[in-house]
Protein backbone atom coordinates (compact mmCIF):
# COMPACT_ATOMS: atom_id res chain seq x y z
CA MET A 1 -29.57 5.59 27.81
CA VAL A 2 -31.10 4.29 24.57
CA THR A 3 -34.88 4.54 24.26
CA GLU A 4 -37.00 2.08 22.30
CA ASP A 5 -37.52 4.70 19.59
CA GLY A 6 -33.76 5.32 19.50
CA ALA A 7 -33.06 1.62 19.16
CA MET A 8 -35.55 1.36 16.28
CA THR A 9 -33.93 4.34 14.59
CA LYS A 10 -30.48 2.73 14.85
CA GLU A 11 -31.86 -0.52 13.45
CA VAL A 12 -33.45 1.30 10.50
CA ARG A 13 -30.17 3.11 9.81
CA LYS A 14 -28.24 -0.15 10.00
CA ARG A 15 -30.59 -1.84 7.52
CA TYR A 16 -30.40 1.16 5.21
CA ALA A 17 -26.58 1.16 5.30
CA THR A 18 -26.49 -2.58 4.55
CA ALA A 19 -28.88 -2.18 1.64
CA THR A 20 -26.78 0.68 0.28
CA ARG A 21 -23.57 -1.38 0.44
CA LEU A 22 -25.23 -4.30 -1.38
CA CYS A 23 -26.49 -1.90 -4.04
CA VAL A 24 -22.97 -0.55 -4.56
CA VAL A 25 -21.55 -4.07 -4.85
CA ALA A 26 -24.20 -5.02 -7.42
CA THR A 27 -23.57 -1.85 -9.42
CA VAL A 28 -19.80 -2.34 -9.53
CA ALA A 29 -20.26 -5.99 -10.49
CA ALA A 30 -22.53 -4.96 -13.34
CA VAL A 31 -19.91 -2.49 -14.57
CA LEU A 32 -17.26 -5.20 -14.50
CA VAL A 33 -19.40 -7.49 -16.62
CA PHE A 34 -20.11 -4.67 -19.09
CA VAL A 35 -16.55 -3.46 -19.66
CA GLY A 36 -14.83 -6.83 -19.37
CA GLU A 37 -12.36 -7.89 -16.68
CA PRO A 38 -9.13 -7.35 -18.67
CA ARG A 39 -9.98 -3.66 -19.07
CA VAL A 40 -10.48 -3.02 -15.34
CA ARG A 41 -7.31 -4.29 -13.71
CA GLY A 42 -7.68 -5.21 -10.05
CA LEU A 43 -11.43 -4.51 -9.93
CA SER A 44 -12.34 -8.13 -9.13
CA ALA A 45 -10.24 -8.03 -5.96
CA GLY A 46 -11.82 -4.71 -5.05
CA ILE A 47 -15.32 -6.13 -5.45
CA ALA A 48 -14.41 -9.12 -3.28
CA ALA A 49 -13.13 -6.83 -0.52
CA LEU A 50 -16.17 -4.60 -0.85
CA ALA A 51 -18.56 -7.52 -0.59
CA ALA A 52 -16.71 -9.02 2.38
CA THR A 53 -16.42 -5.87 4.47
CA GLY A 54 -19.25 -3.68 3.22
CA THR A 55 -16.77 -0.86 2.64
CA ALA A 56 -14.50 0.17 -0.21
CA PRO A 57 -11.07 -1.54 -0.07
CA LEU A 58 -8.12 0.49 1.16
CA ARG A 59 -5.94 1.48 -1.78
CA MET A 60 -3.01 3.85 -2.26
CA SER A 61 -3.69 7.21 -3.88
CA ASP A 62 -2.10 8.32 -7.15
CA SER A 63 0.14 10.71 -5.23
CA GLY A 64 1.18 7.91 -2.89
CA LEU A 65 2.12 5.71 -5.85
CA ALA A 66 3.98 8.60 -7.46
CA ARG A 67 6.01 9.06 -4.28
CA ILE A 68 7.12 5.42 -4.39
CA ARG A 69 8.16 5.75 -8.02
CA GLN A 70 10.11 8.89 -7.14
CA ARG A 71 11.90 7.14 -4.29
CA GLU A 72 12.66 3.99 -6.25
CA ALA A 73 13.76 5.89 -9.39
CA PHE A 74 13.50 4.37 -12.86
CA MET A 75 16.26 1.91 -13.72
CA PRO A 76 16.07 0.59 -17.30
CA LYS A 77 18.64 -2.17 -16.74
CA PRO A 78 18.84 -4.94 -14.08
CA TYR A 79 20.78 -3.97 -10.95
CA ASP A 80 21.51 -5.28 -7.46
CA ASP A 81 19.27 -3.64 -4.87
CA GLY A 82 21.98 -3.87 -2.22
CA ALA A 83 20.53 -6.97 -0.63
CA GLY A 84 21.54 -9.36 -3.40
CA ASN A 85 18.23 -9.10 -5.27
CA LEU A 86 18.26 -8.50 -9.03
CA THR A 87 15.93 -5.56 -9.63
CA ILE A 88 14.72 -3.39 -12.51
CA GLY A 89 12.35 -0.52 -13.25
CA TYR A 90 10.74 0.99 -10.16
CA GLY A 91 12.04 -1.50 -7.61
CA HIS A 92 10.65 -4.59 -9.36
CA LEU A 93 12.35 -7.72 -8.03
CA ILE A 94 13.06 -9.90 -11.04
CA ARG A 95 11.26 -13.19 -10.50
CA LYS A 96 12.18 -16.66 -11.69
CA GLY A 97 11.53 -17.01 -15.39
CA GLU A 98 11.64 -13.28 -16.12
CA ASP A 99 14.28 -12.02 -18.52
CA TYR A 100 15.03 -8.31 -18.74
CA SER A 101 18.58 -8.59 -20.01
CA ASN A 102 17.71 -6.19 -22.84
CA GLY A 103 16.27 -3.63 -20.44
CA ILE A 104 12.80 -2.08 -20.33
CA THR A 105 11.15 1.23 -21.17
CA GLU A 106 9.69 3.58 -18.58
CA ALA A 107 6.18 2.63 -19.69
CA GLU A 108 6.99 -1.06 -19.19
CA ALA A 109 8.45 -0.22 -15.77
CA ASP A 110 5.23 1.56 -14.81
CA THR A 111 3.20 -1.49 -15.82
CA LEU A 112 5.43 -3.75 -13.70
CA PHE A 113 5.16 -1.32 -10.80
CA ARG A 114 1.36 -1.33 -10.83
CA GLN A 115 1.30 -5.11 -11.09
CA ASP A 116 3.62 -5.33 -8.08
CA VAL A 117 1.34 -3.02 -6.09
CA GLU A 118 -1.69 -5.16 -6.94
CA ARG A 119 0.14 -8.41 -6.21
CA VAL A 120 1.95 -7.40 -3.00
CA VAL A 121 0.57 -4.20 -1.48
CA ASP A 122 -3.19 -4.49 -2.10
CA PRO A 123 -3.65 -7.96 -0.50
CA ALA A 124 -1.75 -6.78 2.58
CA LEU A 125 -3.91 -3.66 2.85
CA ASP A 126 -6.99 -5.90 2.65
CA LYS A 127 -5.95 -7.37 6.02
CA ILE A 128 -6.63 -4.04 7.73
CA THR A 129 -9.96 -4.09 9.55
CA ILE A 130 -10.28 -0.45 10.68
CA ASP A 131 -10.79 2.85 8.90
CA LEU A 132 -7.65 4.81 8.08
CA THR A 133 -6.92 8.19 6.53
CA GLN A 134 -5.57 8.22 2.98
CA ASN A 135 -2.21 9.37 4.32
CA GLN A 136 -2.06 6.37 6.63
CA VAL A 137 -2.89 4.03 3.76
CA ASP A 138 -0.22 5.63 1.56
CA ALA A 139 2.37 5.40 4.34
CA LEU A 140 1.65 1.73 4.99
CA GLY A 141 1.56 0.98 1.26
CA SER A 142 4.99 2.55 0.82
CA PHE A 143 6.30 0.50 3.75
CA ILE A 144 4.87 -2.75 2.37
CA PHE A 145 6.26 -2.11 -1.12
CA ASN A 146 9.74 -1.48 0.27
CA VAL A 147 9.94 -4.00 3.13
CA GLY A 148 7.55 -6.72 1.96
CA THR A 149 4.46 -8.29 3.46
CA GLY A 150 6.23 -10.41 6.09
CA GLY A 151 7.32 -7.59 8.35
CA PHE A 152 4.03 -5.76 7.90
CA LEU A 153 1.76 -8.72 8.68
CA LYS A 154 3.81 -9.86 11.68
CA ASN A 155 4.93 -6.64 13.33
CA LEU A 156 2.68 -3.81 12.11
CA LEU A 157 -0.76 -5.21 11.28
CA PRO A 158 -1.66 -6.26 14.86
CA HIS A 159 -0.94 -2.70 16.07
CA VAL A 160 -2.79 -1.13 13.14
CA ASN A 161 -5.95 -3.18 13.65
CA ALA A 162 -5.84 -2.46 17.39
CA GLY A 163 -5.66 1.27 16.68
CA GLU A 164 -2.24 1.45 18.34
CA TYR A 165 -0.77 4.08 16.05
CA GLU A 166 2.21 4.98 18.22
CA ALA A 167 3.26 1.33 18.36
CA THR A 168 2.72 1.11 14.60
CA THR A 169 5.11 3.95 13.82
CA LYS A 170 7.69 2.69 16.31
CA SER A 171 7.65 -0.67 14.55
CA MET A 172 8.08 1.03 11.18
CA LEU A 173 11.24 2.77 12.38
CA LYS A 174 12.86 -0.58 13.18
CA TYR A 175 13.23 -1.32 9.46
CA ILE A 176 16.18 0.94 8.72
CA THR A 177 19.07 -1.49 8.41
CA GLY A 178 20.58 -3.30 5.46
CA ARG A 179 23.87 -4.73 4.26
CA ASP A 180 26.50 -2.23 3.27
CA ALA A 181 27.51 -2.79 -0.36
CA ARG A 182 31.20 -2.38 0.46
CA SER A 183 31.68 -4.07 3.81
CA GLY A 184 28.79 -6.52 3.69
CA ARG A 185 27.96 -5.62 7.28
CA ARG A 186 24.41 -4.91 8.39
CA GLN A 187 24.01 -1.28 9.42
CA VAL A 188 21.63 1.66 9.38
CA LEU A 189 21.21 2.85 5.79
CA ARG A 190 20.51 6.52 5.21
CA GLY A 191 18.07 5.84 2.38
CA LEU A 192 15.96 3.52 4.54
CA LEU A 193 16.10 5.88 7.50
CA THR A 194 14.83 8.86 5.51
CA ARG A 195 12.15 6.72 3.90
CA ARG A 196 10.88 5.44 7.26
CA GLN A 197 10.95 8.96 8.70
CA PHE A 198 8.82 10.23 5.85
CA GLU A 199 6.38 7.32 6.11
CA VAL A 200 5.98 7.92 9.85
CA ALA A 201 5.46 11.66 9.31
CA LEU A 202 2.88 10.91 6.63
CA PHE A 203 1.11 8.34 8.81
CA LYS A 204 0.79 10.84 11.66
CA ASN A 205 -0.21 13.84 9.56
CA PRO A 206 -3.71 14.36 8.10
CA VAL A 207 -2.43 16.99 5.66
CA PRO A 208 -2.52 15.81 2.00
CA LEU A 209 0.72 14.34 0.67
CA GLN A 210 1.65 17.25 -1.58
CA PHE A 211 2.08 19.48 1.48
CA LEU A 212 4.56 17.10 3.08
CA LYS A 213 7.23 17.08 0.36
CA SER A 214 9.60 19.13 2.49
CA VAL A 215 9.53 16.49 5.24
CA MET A 216 11.43 13.96 3.17
CA PRO A 217 15.01 14.84 2.24
CA HIS A 218 16.08 13.99 -1.29
CA SER A 219 18.93 11.49 -1.34
């Protein structure tokens, strides 16, 4: 039962929380104007998400990004990713008009990687409407980076936003097949299987990422 005093208290708290969020948005916007947009990559999108939802946007942690780079491995020259896509650096799909025939440095690969995360992963994470742990965000970010936004938006996002975590992880484990480089047949690929297993373990576990390194076999 909620008393009149209790209802007033909740209303006061709600107004205070709203005022606090607006204050944070205004402060971050002021910082952006001061330092200049080119120097704060991705901050505009973060402000937009913050203003729209009243909460900070979901973003992968540094350790989560490092795990993706470790799994992708640095490749200085263009190569076929096994699915017929020309790729370079840390899993960057070479887009129309891009020319990396001379190769790239590791620093250039890192820049491409972060741009890919901002272009592909961050907008997909912005579709999530519930609170998640950092591990859950990192697991989903890894999945999106590897699989793409299509599978996430269609088959995972509805379960995530409904809080159906078991259904979410079951859907993740469906993305373990690819075309064999030799036979051309579609089959379960060990690399994808171990990656999905780690992402599921990370999604389900509240322990920080560094304590879960033993869960994922090196391949």
